[in-house]
Amino acid sequence: MISMLKTPIYYVQIKKNSLTVKCANTGKSITLDASTPFSSKRLLIGEFTVAENLLKQAFSHFPKSLLAPIAVMHPLELIDEKLSEVEEKVLREIALSAGVKQVKLWMGKVLTDSELRNV
């Protein structure tokens, strides 16, 4: 019951046609590869609905909480030195559509669990 009262923090690492979601609270993670590609040659997320559904599927592997989760979205491929406004919007929108209440965007090195809690 205590875990249901703690806000879940999900760390979403995005690669071409693949998502890895880790729950910072429990340490559990899952990697899902898209059966239908969501990436294009130019865009990490070129097919919004496919990426959104894959993220929803990933979130369904974690226990439900009474509190809406927070997602830290970390694109790992097909990015330049910074994200465009459009890329930021897409990352935020797929997370919000998948059921999180708050979205943080992260660019840089892969985060440890303790670093993740401080983002």
C-alpha atoms as a PDB file:
ATOM      1  CA  MET A   1       0.000   0.000   0.000  1.00  0.00           C
ATOM      2  CA  ILE A   2       2.880   2.408   0.735  1.00  0.00           C
ATOM      3  CA  SER A   3       4.119   2.153  -2.874  1.00  0.00           C
ATOM      4  CA  MET A   4       0.671   3.260  -4.063  1.00  0.00           C
ATOM      5  CA  LEU A   5       1.150   6.520  -2.133  1.00  0.00           C
ATOM      6  CA  LYS A   6       4.522   7.343  -3.662  1.00  0.00           C
ATOM      7  CA  THR A   7       4.590   9.260  -6.948  1.00  0.00           C
ATOM      8  CA  PRO A   8       6.044   6.933  -9.589  1.00  0.00           C
ATOM      9  CA  ILE A   9       8.986   8.388 -11.486  1.00  0.00           C
ATOM     10  CA  TYR A  10       9.516   6.799 -14.893  1.00  0.00           C
ATOM     11  CA  TYR A  11      12.738   7.234 -16.827  1.00  0.00           C
ATOM     12  CA  VAL A  12      11.992   6.798 -20.537  1.00  0.00           C
ATOM     13  CA  GLN A  13      14.997   6.268 -22.798  1.00  0.00           C
ATOM     14  CA  ILE A  14      14.087   6.520 -26.461  1.00  0.00           C
ATOM     15  CA  LYS A  15      16.044   4.993 -29.316  1.00  0.00           C
ATOM     16  CA  LYS A  16      15.006   4.341 -32.905  1.00  0.00           C
ATOM     17  CA  ASN A  17      11.838   2.241 -32.671  1.00  0.00           C
ATOM     18  CA  SER A  18      12.566   1.222 -29.081  1.00  0.00           C
ATOM     19  CA  LEU A  19      11.677   2.429 -25.582  1.00  0.00           C
ATOM     20  CA  THR A  20      13.229   1.493 -22.251  1.00  0.00           C
ATOM     21  CA  VAL A  21      11.188   2.524 -19.219  1.00  0.00           C
ATOM     22  CA  LYS A  22      12.598   2.269 -15.715  1.00  0.00           C
ATOM     23  CA  CYS A  23      10.716   3.016 -12.528  1.00  0.00           C
ATOM     24  CA  ALA A  24      13.079   4.943 -10.249  1.00  0.00           C
ATOM     25  CA  ASN A  25      11.009   3.938  -7.215  1.00  0.00           C
ATOM     26  CA  THR A  26      11.377   0.180  -7.724  1.00  0.00           C
ATOM     27  CA  GLY A  27      14.322  -0.204 -10.103  1.00  0.00           C
ATOM     28  CA  LYS A  28      12.215  -2.374 -12.438  1.00  0.00           C
ATOM     29  CA  SER A  29      12.690  -1.713 -16.142  1.00  0.00           C
ATOM     30  CA  ILE A  30      11.291  -2.936 -19.422  1.00  0.00           C
ATOM     31  CA  THR A  31      12.450  -2.495 -23.008  1.00  0.00           C
ATOM     32  CA  LEU A  32       9.924  -2.700 -25.830  1.00  0.00           C
ATOM     33  CA  ASP A  33      10.716  -2.682 -29.531  1.00  0.00           C
ATOM     34  CA  ALA A  34       8.060  -1.327 -31.851  1.00  0.00           C
ATOM     35  CA  SER A  35       6.498  -3.929 -34.141  1.00  0.00           C
ATOM     36  CA  THR A  36       5.444  -1.000 -36.346  1.00  0.00           C
ATOM     37  CA  PRO A  37       8.235   1.597 -36.619  1.00  0.00           C
ATOM     38  CA  PHE A  38       7.665   4.978 -34.963  1.00  0.00           C
ATOM     39  CA  SER A  39      11.001   6.463 -36.088  1.00  0.00           C
ATOM     40  CA  SER A  40      11.806   7.777 -39.550  1.00  0.00           C
ATOM     41  CA  LYS A  41      15.144   8.544 -41.193  1.00  0.00           C
ATOM     42  CA  ARG A  42      15.021  12.105 -39.846  1.00  0.00           C
ATOM     43  CA  LEU A  43      12.834  11.900 -36.736  1.00  0.00           C
ATOM     44  CA  LEU A  44      13.150   9.839 -33.595  1.00  0.00           C
ATOM     45  CA  ILE A  45       9.368   9.975 -33.276  1.00  0.00           C
ATOM     46  CA  GLY A  46       7.856  10.268 -36.717  1.00  0.00           C
ATOM     47  CA  GLU A  47       4.682   8.288 -35.973  1.00  0.00           C
ATOM     48  CA  PHE A  48       3.094   9.806 -32.872  1.00  0.00           C
ATOM     49  CA  THR A  49       0.321   7.248 -32.281  1.00  0.00           C
ATOM     50  CA  VAL A  50       2.652   4.258 -32.583  1.00  0.00           C
ATOM     51  CA  ALA A  51       5.098   5.751 -30.052  1.00  0.00           C
ATOM     52  CA  GLU A  52       2.259   6.760 -27.723  1.00  0.00           C
ATOM     53  CA  ASN A  53       0.749   3.261 -27.755  1.00  0.00           C
ATOM     54  CA  LEU A  54       4.137   1.648 -27.131  1.00  0.00           C
ATOM     55  CA  LEU A  55       4.702   3.952 -24.149  1.00  0.00           C
ATOM     56  CA  LYS A  56       1.243   3.105 -22.773  1.00  0.00           C
ATOM     57  CA  GLN A  57       2.073  -0.565 -23.184  1.00  0.00           C
ATOM     58  CA  ALA A  58       5.360  -0.084 -21.298  1.00  0.00           C
ATOM     59  CA  PHE A  59       3.630   1.775 -18.445  1.00  0.00           C
ATOM     60  CA  SER A  60       1.095  -1.052 -18.127  1.00  0.00           C
ATOM     61  CA  HIS A  61       3.904  -3.363 -16.929  1.00  0.00           C
ATOM     62  CA  PHE A  62       4.269  -1.342 -13.728  1.00  0.00           C
ATOM     63  CA  PRO A  63       1.929  -1.398 -10.697  1.00  0.00           C
ATOM     64  CA  LYS A  64      -0.828   1.196 -10.624  1.00  0.00           C
ATOM     65  CA  SER A  65      -0.438   4.075  -8.203  1.00  0.00           C
ATOM     66  CA  LEU A  66      -2.965   6.394  -6.617  1.00  0.00           C
ATOM     67  CA  LEU A  67      -0.737   9.259  -7.745  1.00  0.00           C
ATOM     68  CA  ALA A  68      -0.168  10.156 -11.388  1.00  0.00           C
ATOM     69  CA  PRO A  69       3.390   9.395 -12.499  1.00  0.00           C
ATOM     70  CA  ILE A  70       6.158  11.739 -13.571  1.00  0.00           C
ATOM     71  CA  ALA A  71       8.169  10.912 -16.694  1.00  0.00           C
ATOM     72  CA  VAL A  72      11.704  11.928 -17.527  1.00  0.00           C
ATOM     73  CA  MET A  73      11.986  11.646 -21.306  1.00  0.00           C
ATOM     74  CA  HIS A  74      15.512  11.035 -22.614  1.00  0.00           C
ATOM     75  CA  PRO A  75      16.001  10.829 -26.394  1.00  0.00           C
ATOM     76  CA  LEU A  76      19.219   8.941 -27.139  1.00  0.00           C
ATOM     77  CA  GLU A  77      19.385   8.991 -30.947  1.00  0.00           C
ATOM     78  CA  LEU A  78      18.663  11.247 -33.923  1.00  0.00           C
ATOM     79  CA  ILE A  79      19.252  14.436 -31.965  1.00  0.00           C
ATOM     80  CA  ASP A  80      21.570  17.338 -32.508  1.00  0.00           C
ATOM     81  CA  GLU A  81      23.021  19.388 -29.692  1.00  0.00           C
ATOM     82  CA  LYS A  82      19.523  20.414 -28.573  1.00  0.00           C
ATOM     83  CA  LEU A  83      15.909  19.539 -29.250  1.00  0.00           C
ATOM     84  CA  SER A  84      13.733  21.645 -31.511  1.00  0.00           C
ATOM     85  CA  GLU A  85      10.426  22.990 -30.196  1.00  0.00           C
ATOM     86  CA  VAL A  86       8.620  20.361 -32.260  1.00  0.00           C
ATOM     87  CA  GLU A  87      10.717  17.513 -30.806  1.00  0.00           C
ATOM     88  CA  GLU A  88      10.115  18.816 -27.263  1.00  0.00           C
ATOM     89  CA  LYS A  89       6.373  19.020 -27.917  1.00  0.00           C
ATOM     90  CA  VAL A  90       6.206  15.486 -29.306  1.00  0.00           C
ATOM     91  CA  LEU A  91       8.096  14.039 -26.319  1.00  0.00           C
ATOM     92  CA  ARG A  92       5.858  15.885 -23.850  1.00  0.00           C
ATOM     93  CA  GLU A  93       2.646  14.973 -25.645  1.00  0.00           C
ATOM     94  CA  ILE A  94       3.314  11.237 -25.941  1.00  0.00           C
ATOM     95  CA  ALA A  95       4.088  11.092 -22.209  1.00  0.00           C
ATOM     96  CA  LEU A  96       1.014  13.119 -21.220  1.00  0.00           C
ATOM     97  CA  SER A  97      -1.180  11.051 -23.547  1.00  0.00           C
ATOM     98  CA  ALA A  98       0.211   7.890 -21.942  1.00  0.00           C
ATOM     99  CA  GLY A  99      -0.984   9.064 -18.517  1.00  0.00           C
ATOM    100  CA  VAL A 100       1.761  10.974 -16.729  1.00  0.00           C
ATOM    101  CA  LYS A 101       0.999  14.251 -14.956  1.00  0.00           C
ATOM    102  CA  GLN A 102       4.361  15.914 -15.385  1.00  0.00           C
ATOM    103  CA  VAL A 103       7.093  15.590 -18.009  1.00  0.00           C
ATOM    104  CA  LYS A 104      10.752  16.499 -17.734  1.00  0.00           C
ATOM    105  CA  LEU A 105      13.027  16.426 -20.763  1.00  0.00           C
ATOM    106  CA  TRP A 106      16.618  15.298 -20.321  1.00  0.00           C
ATOM    107  CA  MET A 107      19.548  15.655 -22.674  1.00  0.00           C
ATOM    108  CA  GLY A 108      22.922  14.326 -21.654  1.00  0.00           C
ATOM    109  CA  LYS A 109      24.368  11.221 -20.089  1.00  0.00           C
ATOM    110  CA  VAL A 110      22.246   8.303 -18.923  1.00  0.00           C
ATOM    111  CA  LEU A 111      20.965   9.013 -15.409  1.00  0.00           C
ATOM    112  CA  THR A 112      21.469   6.865 -12.327  1.00  0.00           C
ATOM    113  CA  ASP A 113      18.500   6.294  -9.995  1.00  0.00           C
ATOM    114  CA  SER A 114      19.745   8.899  -7.513  1.00  0.00           C
ATOM    115  CA  GLU A 115      20.362  11.449 -10.285  1.00  0.00           C
ATOM    116  CA  LEU A 116      16.918  10.718 -11.669  1.00  0.00           C
ATOM    117  CA  ARG A 117      15.212  11.616  -8.394  1.00  0.00           C
ATOM    118  CA  ASN A 118      16.965  15.019  -8.488  1.00  0.00           C
ATOM    119  CA  VAL A 119      16.085  15.975 -12.083  1.00  0.00           C
END
